[in-house]
Amino acid sequence: MEIVEEKFYDLNLRRIWTAPREKRTPRAVRYVRQYAANRMKTDNVSLSEETNSLLWSRGISKPPRKIRIRVVKDKEGKVIVFPGEGK
């Protein structure tokens, strides 16, 4: 995979907590995917296993309030979301 573009973002998932308890983490996954698609201007977005595990680490009703992500775009236009360093 040849990296064309790489960016780091801090996401505040506070608004996800307004959802019903059983829908919070699935909504957080959709939000992260949509956020990366909007920032990188493509619909071909996938989450890495580490990012998915980070979002689901506390179960379906308690996703993290904030996460740091690293978004990588290759030359075919495919975007992969990895957990960022730090927080």
PDB file of N, CA and C in Angstrom:
ATOM      1  N   MET A   1       0.839  -1.168   0.000  1.00  0.00           N
ATOM      2  CA  MET A   1       0.000   0.000   0.000  1.00  0.00           C
ATOM      3  C   MET A   1       0.893   1.244   0.000  1.00  0.00           C
ATOM      4  N   GLU A   2       0.723   2.072  -0.993  1.00  0.00           N
ATOM      5  CA  GLU A   2       1.481   3.312  -1.102  1.00  0.00           C
ATOM      6  C   GLU A   2       0.636   4.456  -0.539  1.00  0.00           C
ATOM      7  N   ILE A   3       1.132   5.084   0.506  1.00  0.00           N
ATOM      8  CA  ILE A   3       0.388   6.148   1.183  1.00  0.00           C
ATOM      9  C   ILE A   3       0.522   7.447   0.404  1.00  0.00           C
ATOM     10  N   VAL A   4      -0.625   8.028   0.061  1.00  0.00           N
ATOM     11  CA  VAL A   4      -0.650   9.307  -0.634  1.00  0.00           C
ATOM     12  C   VAL A   4      -0.878  10.440   0.358  1.00  0.00           C
ATOM     13  N   GLU A   5      -1.746  10.205   1.329  1.00  0.00           N
ATOM     14  CA  GLU A   5      -2.115  11.244   2.282  1.00  0.00           C
ATOM     15  C   GLU A   5      -2.348  10.614   3.650  1.00  0.00           C
ATOM     16  N   GLU A   6      -1.881  11.295   4.694  1.00  0.00           N
ATOM     17  CA  GLU A   6      -2.049  10.804   6.060  1.00  0.00           C
ATOM     18  C   GLU A   6      -2.366  11.993   6.961  1.00  0.00           C
ATOM     19  N   LYS A   7      -3.422  11.854   7.766  1.00  0.00           N
ATOM     20  CA  LYS A   7      -3.833  12.938   8.658  1.00  0.00           C
ATOM     21  C   LYS A   7      -4.239  12.368  10.009  1.00  0.00           C
ATOM     22  N   PHE A   8      -4.094  13.192  11.040  1.00  0.00           N
ATOM     23  CA  PHE A   8      -4.500  12.834  12.394  1.00  0.00           C
ATOM     24  C   PHE A   8      -5.669  13.716  12.809  1.00  0.00           C
ATOM     25  N   TYR A   9      -6.643  13.121  13.476  1.00  0.00           N
ATOM     26  CA  TYR A   9      -7.812  13.857  13.948  1.00  0.00           C
ATOM     27  C   TYR A   9      -8.140  13.427  15.374  1.00  0.00           C
ATOM     28  N   ASP A  10      -8.610  14.382  16.177  1.00  0.00           N
ATOM     29  CA  ASP A  10      -9.159  14.097  17.498  1.00  0.00           C
ATOM     30  C   ASP A  10     -10.672  14.202  17.385  1.00  0.00           C
ATOM     31  N   LEU A  11     -11.360  13.103  17.644  1.00  0.00           N
ATOM     32  CA  LEU A  11     -12.815  13.089  17.525  1.00  0.00           C
ATOM     33  C   LEU A  11     -13.454  13.127  18.905  1.00  0.00           C
ATOM     34  N   ASN A  12     -14.403  14.024  19.065  1.00  0.00           N
ATOM     35  CA  ASN A  12     -15.196  14.082  20.280  1.00  0.00           C
ATOM     36  C   ASN A  12     -16.506  13.351  19.993  1.00  0.00           C
ATOM     37  N   LEU A  13     -16.714  12.235  20.654  1.00  0.00           N
ATOM     38  CA  LEU A  13     -17.901  11.411  20.419  1.00  0.00           C
ATOM     39  C   LEU A  13     -19.005  11.709  21.435  1.00  0.00           C
ATOM     40  N   ARG A  14     -19.004  12.896  22.000  1.00  0.00           N
ATOM     41  CA  ARG A  14     -19.982  13.256  23.026  1.00  0.00           C
ATOM     42  C   ARG A  14     -21.410  13.160  22.506  1.00  0.00           C
ATOM     43  N   ARG A  15     -21.639  13.589  21.258  1.00  0.00           N
ATOM     44  CA  ARG A  15     -23.009  13.592  20.729  1.00  0.00           C
ATOM     45  C   ARG A  15     -23.553  12.175  20.516  1.00  0.00           C
ATOM     46  N   ILE A  16     -22.676  11.187  20.463  1.00  0.00           N
ATOM     47  CA  ILE A  16     -23.114   9.796  20.316  1.00  0.00           C
ATOM     48  C   ILE A  16     -23.881   9.354  21.565  1.00  0.00           C
ATOM     49  N   TRP A  17     -23.561   9.937  22.712  1.00  0.00           N
ATOM     50  CA  TRP A  17     -24.176   9.529  23.971  1.00  0.00           C
ATOM     51  C   TRP A  17     -25.629   9.955  24.084  1.00  0.00           C
ATOM     52  N   THR A  18     -26.147  10.730  23.136  1.00  0.00           N
ATOM     53  CA  THR A  18     -27.573  11.068  23.147  1.00  0.00           C
ATOM     54  C   THR A  18     -28.423   9.938  22.568  1.00  0.00           C
ATOM     55  N   ALA A  19     -27.792   8.966  21.932  1.00  0.00           N
ATOM     56  CA  ALA A  19     -28.496   7.822  21.346  1.00  0.00           C
ATOM     57  C   ALA A  19     -28.913   6.846  22.452  1.00  0.00           C
ATOM     58  N   PRO A  20     -29.888   5.988  22.173  1.00  0.00           N
ATOM     59  CA  PRO A  20     -30.244   4.939  23.133  1.00  0.00           C
ATOM     60  C   PRO A  20     -29.041   4.034  23.428  1.00  0.00           C
ATOM     61  N   ARG A  21     -29.017   3.428  24.591  1.00  0.00           N
ATOM     62  CA  ARG A  21     -27.843   2.676  25.039  1.00  0.00           C
ATOM     63  C   ARG A  21     -27.424   1.576  24.074  1.00  0.00           C
ATOM     64  N   GLU A  22     -28.381   0.869  23.494  1.00  0.00           N
ATOM     65  CA  GLU A  22     -28.047  -0.255  22.627  1.00  0.00           C
ATOM     66  C   GLU A  22     -27.597   0.177  21.233  1.00  0.00           C
ATOM     67  N   LYS A  23     -27.628   1.474  20.947  1.00  0.00           N
ATOM     68  CA  LYS A  23     -27.249   1.952  19.616  1.00  0.00           C
ATOM     69  C   LYS A  23     -26.011   2.843  19.631  1.00  0.00           C
ATOM     70  N   ARG A  24     -25.398   3.048  20.781  1.00  0.00           N
ATOM     71  CA  ARG A  24     -24.313   4.020  20.883  1.00  0.00           C
ATOM     72  C   ARG A  24     -23.055   3.618  20.122  1.00  0.00           C
ATOM     73  N   THR A  25     -22.526   2.431  20.372  1.00  0.00           N
ATOM     74  CA  THR A  25     -21.289   2.047  19.698  1.00  0.00           C
ATOM     75  C   THR A  25     -21.493   1.834  18.203  1.00  0.00           C
ATOM     76  N   PRO A  26     -22.582   1.199  17.735  1.00  0.00           N
ATOM     77  CA  PRO A  26     -22.780   1.142  16.283  1.00  0.00           C
ATOM     78  C   PRO A  26     -22.873   2.530  15.648  1.00  0.00           C
ATOM     79  N   ARG A  27     -23.482   3.471  16.348  1.00  0.00           N
ATOM     80  CA  ARG A  27     -23.566   4.832  15.824  1.00  0.00           C
ATOM     81  C   ARG A  27     -22.186   5.493  15.812  1.00  0.00           C
ATOM     82  N   ALA A  28     -21.359   5.195  16.812  1.00  0.00           N
ATOM     83  CA  ALA A  28     -19.999   5.739  16.848  1.00  0.00           C
ATOM     84  C   ALA A  28     -19.170   5.211  15.678  1.00  0.00           C
ATOM     85  N   VAL A  29     -19.343   3.931  15.341  1.00  0.00           N
ATOM     86  CA  VAL A  29     -18.625   3.352  14.198  1.00  0.00           C
ATOM     87  C   VAL A  29     -19.047   4.053  12.909  1.00  0.00           C
ATOM     88  N   ARG A  30     -20.346   4.254  12.732  1.00  0.00           N
ATOM     89  CA  ARG A  30     -20.823   4.965  11.536  1.00  0.00           C
ATOM     90  C   ARG A  30     -20.315   6.398  11.496  1.00  0.00           C
ATOM     91  N   TYR A  31     -20.268   7.063  12.659  1.00  0.00           N
ATOM     92  CA  TYR A  31     -19.810   8.445  12.719  1.00  0.00           C
ATOM     93  C   TYR A  31     -18.331   8.556  12.326  1.00  0.00           C
ATOM     94  N   VAL A  32     -17.493   7.658  12.832  1.00  0.00           N
ATOM     95  CA  VAL A  32     -16.063   7.686  12.496  1.00  0.00           C
ATOM     96  C   VAL A  32     -15.874   7.448  11.005  1.00  0.00           C
ATOM     97  N   ARG A  33     -16.605   6.499  10.451  1.00  0.00           N
ATOM     98  CA  ARG A  33     -16.508   6.210   9.016  1.00  0.00           C
ATOM     99  C   ARG A  33     -16.962   7.404   8.173  1.00  0.00           C
ATOM    100  N   GLN A  34     -18.062   8.028   8.570  1.00  0.00           N
ATOM    101  CA  GLN A  34     -18.582   9.189   7.841  1.00  0.00           C
ATOM    102  C   GLN A  34     -17.626  10.378   7.964  1.00  0.00           C
ATOM    103  N   TYR A  35     -17.054  10.588   9.133  1.00  0.00           N
ATOM    104  CA  TYR A  35     -16.119  11.683   9.356  1.00  0.00           C
ATOM    105  C   TYR A  35     -14.894  11.534   8.447  1.00  0.00           C
ATOM    106  N   ALA A  36     -14.345  10.320   8.389  1.00  0.00           N
ATOM    107  CA  ALA A  36     -13.180  10.080   7.531  1.00  0.00           C
ATOM    108  C   ALA A  36     -13.539  10.261   6.060  1.00  0.00           C
ATOM    109  N   ALA A  37     -14.722   9.825   5.654  1.00  0.00           N
ATOM    110  CA  ALA A  37     -15.146   9.979   4.261  1.00  0.00           C
ATOM    111  C   ALA A  37     -15.277  11.449   3.889  1.00  0.00           C
ATOM    112  N   ASN A  38     -15.831  12.260   4.782  1.00  0.00           N
ATOM    113  CA  ASN A  38     -15.976  13.685   4.499  1.00  0.00           C
ATOM    114  C   ASN A  38     -14.631  14.383   4.429  1.00  0.00           C
ATOM    115  N   ARG A  39     -13.711  14.049   5.317  1.00  0.00           N
ATOM    116  CA  ARG A  39     -12.419  14.724   5.347  1.00  0.00           C
ATOM    117  C   ARG A  39     -11.517  14.320   4.176  1.00  0.00           C
ATOM    118  N   MET A  40     -11.603  13.059   3.742  1.00  0.00           N
ATOM    119  CA  MET A  40     -10.722  12.574   2.678  1.00  0.00           C
ATOM    120  C   MET A  40     -11.391  12.574   1.307  1.00  0.00           C
ATOM    121  N   LYS A  41     -12.636  13.005   1.236  1.00  0.00           N
ATOM    122  CA  LYS A  41     -13.371  13.169  -0.022  1.00  0.00           C
ATOM    123  C   LYS A  41     -13.500  11.866  -0.819  1.00  0.00           C
ATOM    124  N   THR A  42     -13.876  10.797  -0.137  1.00  0.00           N
ATOM    125  CA  THR A  42     -14.123   9.516  -0.788  1.00  0.00           C
ATOM    126  C   THR A  42     -15.120   8.709   0.044  1.00  0.00           C
ATOM    127  N   ASP A  43     -15.787   7.754  -0.605  1.00  0.00           N
ATOM    128  CA  ASP A  43     -16.732   6.888   0.096  1.00  0.00           C
ATOM    129  C   ASP A  43     -16.127   5.536   0.454  1.00  0.00           C
ATOM    130  N   ASN A  44     -14.941   5.249  -0.053  1.00  0.00           N
ATOM    131  CA  ASN A  44     -14.297   3.959   0.147  1.00  0.00           C
ATOM    132  C   ASN A  44     -13.490   3.996   1.447  1.00  0.00           C
ATOM    133  N   VAL A  45     -14.176   3.827   2.584  1.00  0.00           N
ATOM    134  CA  VAL A  45     -13.548   3.940   3.904  1.00  0.00           C
ATOM    135  C   VAL A  45     -13.729   2.634   4.657  1.00  0.00           C
ATOM    136  N   SER A  46     -12.660   2.171   5.297  1.00  0.00           N
ATOM    137  CA  SER A  46     -12.763   1.000   6.161  1.00  0.00           C
ATOM    138  C   SER A  46     -12.016   1.272   7.461  1.00  0.00           C
ATOM    139  N   LEU A  47     -12.484   0.650   8.529  1.00  0.00           N
ATOM    140  CA  LEU A  47     -11.843   0.784   9.832  1.00  0.00           C
ATOM    141  C   LEU A  47     -10.898  -0.383  10.040  1.00  0.00           C
ATOM    142  N   SER A  48      -9.745  -0.118  10.630  1.00  0.00           N
ATOM    143  CA  SER A  48      -8.829  -1.203  10.963  1.00  0.00           C
ATOM    144  C   SER A  48      -9.398  -1.986  12.146  1.00  0.00           C
ATOM    145  N   GLU A  49      -8.877  -3.177  12.352  1.00  0.00           N
ATOM    146  CA  GLU A  49      -9.346  -3.996  13.471  1.00  0.00           C
ATOM    147  C   GLU A  49      -9.051  -3.322  14.809  1.00  0.00           C
ATOM    148  N   GLU A  50      -7.914  -2.606  14.881  1.00  0.00           N
ATOM    149  CA  GLU A  50      -7.557  -1.925  16.123  1.00  0.00           C
ATOM    150  C   GLU A  50      -8.551  -0.809  16.449  1.00  0.00           C
ATOM    151  N   THR A  51      -8.969  -0.053  15.427  1.00  0.00           N
ATOM    152  CA  THR A  51      -9.935   1.020  15.648  1.00  0.00           C
ATOM    153  C   THR A  51     -11.279   0.446  16.072  1.00  0.00           C
ATOM    154  N   ASN A  52     -11.698  -0.615  15.411  1.00  0.00           N
ATOM    155  CA  ASN A  52     -12.959  -1.264  15.764  1.00  0.00           C
ATOM    156  C   ASN A  52     -12.911  -1.796  17.202  1.00  0.00           C
ATOM    157  N   SER A  53     -11.795  -2.415  17.578  1.00  0.00           N
ATOM    158  CA  SER A  53     -11.652  -2.922  18.950  1.00  0.00           C
ATOM    159  C   SER A  53     -11.646  -1.790  19.968  1.00  0.00           C
ATOM    160  N   LEU A  54     -11.040  -0.657  19.606  1.00  0.00           N
ATOM    161  CA  LEU A  54     -11.027   0.498  20.498  1.00  0.00           C
ATOM    162  C   LEU A  54     -12.441   1.019  20.743  1.00  0.00           C
ATOM    163  N   LEU A  55     -13.244   1.104  19.691  1.00  0.00           N
ATOM    164  CA  LEU A  55     -14.612   1.597  19.845  1.00  0.00           C
ATOM    165  C   LEU A  55     -15.480   0.623  20.641  1.00  0.00           C
ATOM    166  N   TRP A  56     -15.274  -0.676  20.447  1.00  0.00           N
ATOM    167  CA  TRP A  56     -16.091  -1.692  21.109  1.00  0.00           C
ATOM    168  C   TRP A  56     -15.498  -2.164  22.437  1.00  0.00           C
ATOM    169  N   SER A  57     -14.394  -1.578  22.899  1.00  0.00           N
ATOM    170  CA  SER A  57     -13.681  -2.085  24.074  1.00  0.00           C
ATOM    171  C   SER A  57     -14.525  -2.071  25.352  1.00  0.00           C
ATOM    172  N   ARG A  58     -15.455  -1.149  25.472  1.00  0.00           N
ATOM    173  CA  ARG A  58     -16.281  -1.068  26.687  1.00  0.00           C
ATOM    174  C   ARG A  58     -17.711  -1.517  26.445  1.00  0.00           C
ATOM    175  N   GLY A  59     -17.958  -2.154  25.330  1.00  0.00           N
ATOM    176  CA  GLY A  59     -19.276  -2.706  25.069  1.00  0.00           C
ATOM    177  C   GLY A  59     -20.138  -1.822  24.188  1.00  0.00           C
ATOM    178  N   ILE A  60     -21.399  -2.249  24.037  1.00  0.00           N
ATOM    179  CA  ILE A  60     -22.302  -1.566  23.110  1.00  0.00           C
ATOM    180  C   ILE A  60     -22.828  -0.253  23.679  1.00  0.00           C
ATOM    181  N   SER A  61     -22.898  -0.131  25.000  1.00  0.00           N
ATOM    182  CA  SER A  61     -23.547   1.051  25.571  1.00  0.00           C
ATOM    183  C   SER A  61     -22.580   2.123  26.058  1.00  0.00           C
ATOM    184  N   LYS A  62     -21.268   1.861  26.049  1.00  0.00           N
ATOM    185  CA  LYS A  62     -20.318   2.843  26.568  1.00  0.00           C
ATOM    186  C   LYS A  62     -19.121   3.032  25.635  1.00  0.00           C
ATOM    187  N   PRO A  63     -19.322   3.626  24.469  1.00  0.00           N
ATOM    188  CA  PRO A  63     -18.161   3.914  23.612  1.00  0.00           C
ATOM    189  C   PRO A  63     -17.309   5.009  24.254  1.00  0.00           C
ATOM    190  N   PRO A  64     -16.047   5.142  23.851  1.00  0.00           N
ATOM    191  CA  PRO A  64     -15.217   6.198  24.434  1.00  0.00           C
ATOM    192  C   PRO A  64     -15.758   7.586  24.103  1.00  0.00           C
ATOM    193  N   ARG A  65     -15.500   8.542  24.973  1.00  0.00           N
ATOM    194  CA  ARG A  65     -15.964   9.914  24.744  1.00  0.00           C
ATOM    195  C   ARG A  65     -15.129  10.616  23.680  1.00  0.00           C
ATOM    196  N   LYS A  66     -13.831  10.334  23.657  1.00  0.00           N
ATOM    197  CA  LYS A  66     -12.932  10.951  22.681  1.00  0.00           C
ATOM    198  C   LYS A  66     -11.973   9.891  22.166  1.00  0.00           C
ATOM    199  N   ILE A  67     -11.616   9.999  20.893  1.00  0.00           N
ATOM    200  CA  ILE A  67     -10.584   9.132  20.335  1.00  0.00           C
ATOM    201  C   ILE A  67      -9.710   9.947  19.389  1.00  0.00           C
ATOM    202  N   ARG A  68      -8.494   9.476  19.206  1.00  0.00           N
ATOM    203  CA  ARG A  68      -7.578  10.062  18.231  1.00  0.00           C
ATOM    204  C   ARG A  68      -7.407   9.031  17.132  1.00  0.00           C
ATOM    205  N   ILE A  69      -7.562   9.474  15.877  1.00  0.00           N
ATOM    206  CA  ILE A  69      -7.456   8.547  14.755  1.00  0.00           C
ATOM    207  C   ILE A  69      -6.413   9.035  13.760  1.00  0.00           C
ATOM    208  N   ARG A  70      -5.851   8.069  13.031  1.00  0.00           N
ATOM    209  CA  ARG A  70      -4.929   8.351  11.931  1.00  0.00           C
ATOM    210  C   ARG A  70      -5.604   7.852  10.669  1.00  0.00           C
ATOM    211  N   VAL A  71      -5.827   8.753   9.717  1.00  0.00           N
ATOM    212  CA  VAL A  71      -6.534   8.422   8.486  1.00  0.00           C
ATOM    213  C   VAL A  71      -5.518   8.387   7.352  1.00  0.00           C
ATOM    214  N   VAL A  72      -5.467   7.251   6.639  1.00  0.00           N
ATOM    215  CA  VAL A  72      -4.488   7.036   5.578  1.00  0.00           C
ATOM    216  C   VAL A  72      -5.221   6.791   4.269  1.00  0.00           C
ATOM    217  N   LYS A  73      -4.782   7.472   3.209  1.00  0.00           N
ATOM    218  CA  LYS A  73      -5.372   7.302   1.880  1.00  0.00           C
ATOM    219  C   LYS A  73      -4.294   6.796   0.935  1.00  0.00           C
ATOM    220  N   ASP A  74      -4.597   5.703   0.196  1.00  0.00           N
ATOM    221  CA  ASP A  74      -3.629   5.191  -0.765  1.00  0.00           C
ATOM    222  C   ASP A  74      -3.934   5.724  -2.161  1.00  0.00           C
ATOM    223  N   LYS A  75      -3.113   5.338  -3.132  1.00  0.00           N
ATOM    224  CA  LYS A  75      -3.258   5.952  -4.458  1.00  0.00           C
ATOM    225  C   LYS A  75      -4.480   5.461  -5.219  1.00  0.00           C
ATOM    226  N   GLU A  76      -5.106   4.351  -4.812  1.00  0.00           N
ATOM    227  CA  GLU A  76      -6.363   3.914  -5.428  1.00  0.00           C
ATOM    228  C   GLU A  76      -7.562   4.659  -4.857  1.00  0.00           C
ATOM    229  N   GLY A  77      -7.357   5.449  -3.810  1.00  0.00           N
ATOM    230  CA  GLY A  77      -8.447   6.196  -3.200  1.00  0.00           C
ATOM    231  C   GLY A  77      -9.075   5.502  -2.002  1.00  0.00           C
ATOM    232  N   LYS A  78      -8.534   4.370  -1.586  1.00  0.00           N
ATOM    233  CA  LYS A  78      -9.060   3.654  -0.428  1.00  0.00           C
ATOM    234  C   LYS A  78      -8.539   4.300   0.851  1.00  0.00           C
ATOM    235  N   VAL A  79      -9.433   4.492   1.802  1.00  0.00           N
ATOM    236  CA  VAL A  79      -9.087   5.143   3.063  1.00  0.00           C
ATOM    237  C   VAL A  79      -9.215   4.124   4.191  1.00  0.00           C
ATOM    238  N   ILE A  80      -8.195   4.070   5.053  1.00  0.00           N
ATOM    239  CA  ILE A  80      -8.205   3.183   6.214  1.00  0.00           C
ATOM    240  C   ILE A  80      -8.010   4.035   7.459  1.00  0.00           C
ATOM    241  N   VAL A  81      -8.812   3.764   8.481  1.00  0.00           N
ATOM    242  CA  VAL A  81      -8.757   4.514   9.736  1.00  0.00           C
ATOM    243  C   VAL A  81      -8.056   3.658  10.782  1.00  0.00           C
ATOM    244  N   PHE A  82      -6.943   4.175  11.320  1.00  0.00           N
ATOM    245  CA  PHE A  82      -6.174   3.519  12.370  1.00  0.00           C
ATOM    246  C   PHE A  82      -6.286   4.341  13.648  1.00  0.00           C
ATOM    247  N   PRO A  83      -6.082   3.715  14.822  1.00  0.00           N
ATOM    248  CA  PRO A  83      -6.030   4.530  16.037  1.00  0.00           C
ATOM    249  C   PRO A  83      -4.772   5.390  16.025  1.00  0.00           C
ATOM    250  N   GLY A  84      -4.891   6.621  16.505  1.00  0.00           N
ATOM    251  CA  GLY A  84      -3.744   7.517  16.548  1.00  0.00           C
ATOM    252  C   GLY A  84      -2.926   7.300  17.804  1.00  0.00           C
ATOM    253  N   GLU A  85      -1.708   7.796  17.789  1.00  0.00           N
ATOM    254  CA  GLU A  85      -0.859   7.711  18.970  1.00  0.00           C
ATOM    255  C   GLU A  85      -1.310   8.753  19.976  1.00  0.00           C
ATOM    256  N   GLY A  86      -0.980   8.516  21.216  1.00  0.00           N
ATOM    257  CA  GLY A  86      -1.325   9.486  22.246  1.00  0.00           C
ATOM    258  C   GLY A  86      -2.549   9.048  23.013  1.00  0.00           C
ATOM    259  N   LYS A  87      -3.467   9.960  23.244  1.00  0.00           N
ATOM    260  CA  LYS A  87      -4.668   9.781  24.049  1.00  0.00           C
ATOM    261  C   LYS A  87      -5.156   8.373  24.084  1.00  0.00           C
TER     262      LYS A  87
END
